[in-house]
Protein backbone atom coordinates (compact mmCIF):
# COMPACT_ATOMS: atom_id res chain seq x y z
CA MET A 1 62.15 59.87 16.80
CA GLN A 2 62.20 58.53 13.21
CA LYS A 3 58.45 57.96 13.33
CA LYS A 4 57.88 61.57 14.43
CA LYS A 5 60.03 62.89 11.55
CA LEU A 6 58.11 60.71 9.08
CA ILE A 7 54.77 62.01 10.38
CA ILE A 8 55.94 65.64 10.20
CA SER A 9 57.31 65.12 6.68
CA THR A 10 54.08 63.47 5.55
CA LEU A 11 51.95 66.29 7.00
CA ALA A 12 54.17 68.91 5.33
CA LEU A 13 53.81 67.13 1.98
CA LEU A 14 50.03 66.91 2.34
CA LEU A 15 49.84 70.59 3.19
CA LEU A 16 51.91 71.46 0.13
CA VAL A 17 49.72 69.32 -2.15
CA ALA A 18 46.54 70.87 -0.68
CA THR A 19 47.93 74.39 -1.21
CA VAL A 20 48.78 73.66 -4.85
CA ALA A 21 45.34 72.13 -5.45
CA ILE A 22 43.56 75.16 -3.99
CA ALA A 23 45.74 77.61 -5.91
CA HIS A 24 44.43 76.40 -9.27
CA THR A 25 40.73 77.20 -8.89
CA PRO A 26 39.00 77.93 -12.23
CA LEU A 27 37.40 81.35 -12.73
CA CYS A 28 34.92 82.37 -15.43
CA SER A 29 32.60 85.33 -15.82
CA CYS A 30 30.41 86.32 -18.74
CA TYR A 31 28.77 89.57 -19.76
CA ASP A 32 26.36 90.80 -22.42
CA ASN A 33 28.09 93.14 -24.88
CA GLY A 34 24.78 94.83 -25.74
CA ASP A 35 25.23 94.06 -29.44
CA GLY A 36 23.74 90.55 -29.53
CA THR A 37 26.95 88.86 -28.37
CA ILE A 38 28.20 87.47 -25.07
CA THR A 39 31.84 87.47 -23.95
CA CYS A 40 33.20 85.16 -21.27
CA GLU A 41 36.58 85.66 -19.62
CA GLY A 42 38.37 82.86 -17.83
CA GLY A 43 41.49 81.99 -15.94
CA PHE A 44 42.73 80.33 -12.78
CA SER A 45 43.24 81.65 -9.29
CA ASP A 46 47.01 81.18 -9.57
CA GLY A 47 47.09 83.57 -12.55
CA SER A 48 47.27 80.84 -15.21
CA SER A 49 45.78 81.53 -18.61
CA ALA A 50 42.61 79.77 -19.74
CA ALA A 51 43.65 79.86 -23.42
CA GLY A 52 42.43 76.67 -25.09
CA VAL A 53 39.88 75.79 -22.40
CA GLU A 54 36.78 74.22 -23.92
CA MET A 55 33.61 76.33 -23.86
CA ARG A 56 30.09 75.12 -24.53
CA VAL A 57 26.70 76.80 -24.72
CA VAL A 58 23.86 74.44 -23.90
CA ASP A 59 20.12 74.97 -24.27
CA LYS A 60 17.45 74.25 -21.65
CA ASP A 61 17.43 70.57 -22.70
CA GLY A 62 21.20 70.22 -22.22
CA LYS A 63 21.93 70.10 -25.97
CA VAL A 64 25.22 71.75 -26.99
CA THR A 65 24.35 74.56 -29.42
CA ILE A 66 27.73 76.34 -29.56
CA LYS A 67 31.18 74.88 -28.91
CA GLY A 68 34.56 76.56 -28.96
CA LYS A 69 37.68 77.39 -26.95
CA MET A 70 39.02 80.34 -25.02
CA ASN A 71 41.32 82.40 -27.25
CA GLU A 72 44.88 83.51 -26.43
CA ASP A 73 43.43 86.33 -24.28
CA SER A 74 41.35 83.79 -22.28
CA GLU A 75 38.13 85.09 -23.86
CA PHE A 76 35.26 83.42 -25.70
CA THR A 77 32.67 85.49 -27.60
CA PHE A 78 29.52 84.06 -29.15
CA ASP A 79 26.13 85.16 -30.50
CA LYS A 80 23.55 85.39 -27.71
CA PRO A 81 21.12 82.48 -28.04
CA LYS A 82 17.37 82.94 -27.97
CA GLY A 83 15.68 81.37 -24.95
CA SER A 84 17.25 79.76 -21.90
CA TYR A 85 20.89 78.70 -22.02
CA LYS A 86 23.95 78.01 -19.90
CA VAL A 87 27.63 78.55 -20.62
CA GLN A 88 30.09 75.86 -19.55
CA PHE A 89 33.79 76.51 -18.93
CA ASP A 90 35.32 73.01 -18.98
CA ALA A 91 38.99 72.83 -17.99
CA GLY A 92 38.78 69.13 -17.10
CA PRO A 93 37.74 67.05 -14.10
CA GLY A 94 37.02 69.24 -11.09
CA HIS A 95 37.37 72.38 -13.20
CA LEU A 96 33.86 72.87 -14.64
CA ILE A 97 32.03 76.17 -14.19
CA GLU A 98 28.49 76.71 -15.43
CA VAL A 99 27.06 80.22 -15.87
CA ASP A 100 23.29 80.53 -16.30
CA GLY A 101 22.30 82.82 -19.17
CA LYS A 102 19.83 84.69 -16.95
CA ASP A 103 22.80 85.81 -14.82
CA ILE A 104 24.63 87.35 -17.79
CA VAL A 105 23.93 91.08 -17.97
CA GLU A 106 25.40 94.17 -19.63
């Protein structure tokens, strides 16, 4: 009986941990403002703010050309680079999103 309770308790704890882990999925989308700038908006699936999350713009060779952080509104605006680029939303291990510049439209 004790062993069964321990197994049920362990399974319940694992389910709770898995639910919490899934509930904190990073989200980031970017759009072209039509004025030579790009704005990215970020957050987490549980409603958490992305304020302070590191943002990077990298060129086709992987070189960081722009670096900054999401502002208090969970937004990051930058001048649109010439040529190919990618935007990286980096909220830490397991929380990296990369948006290809060719997918960013008005």
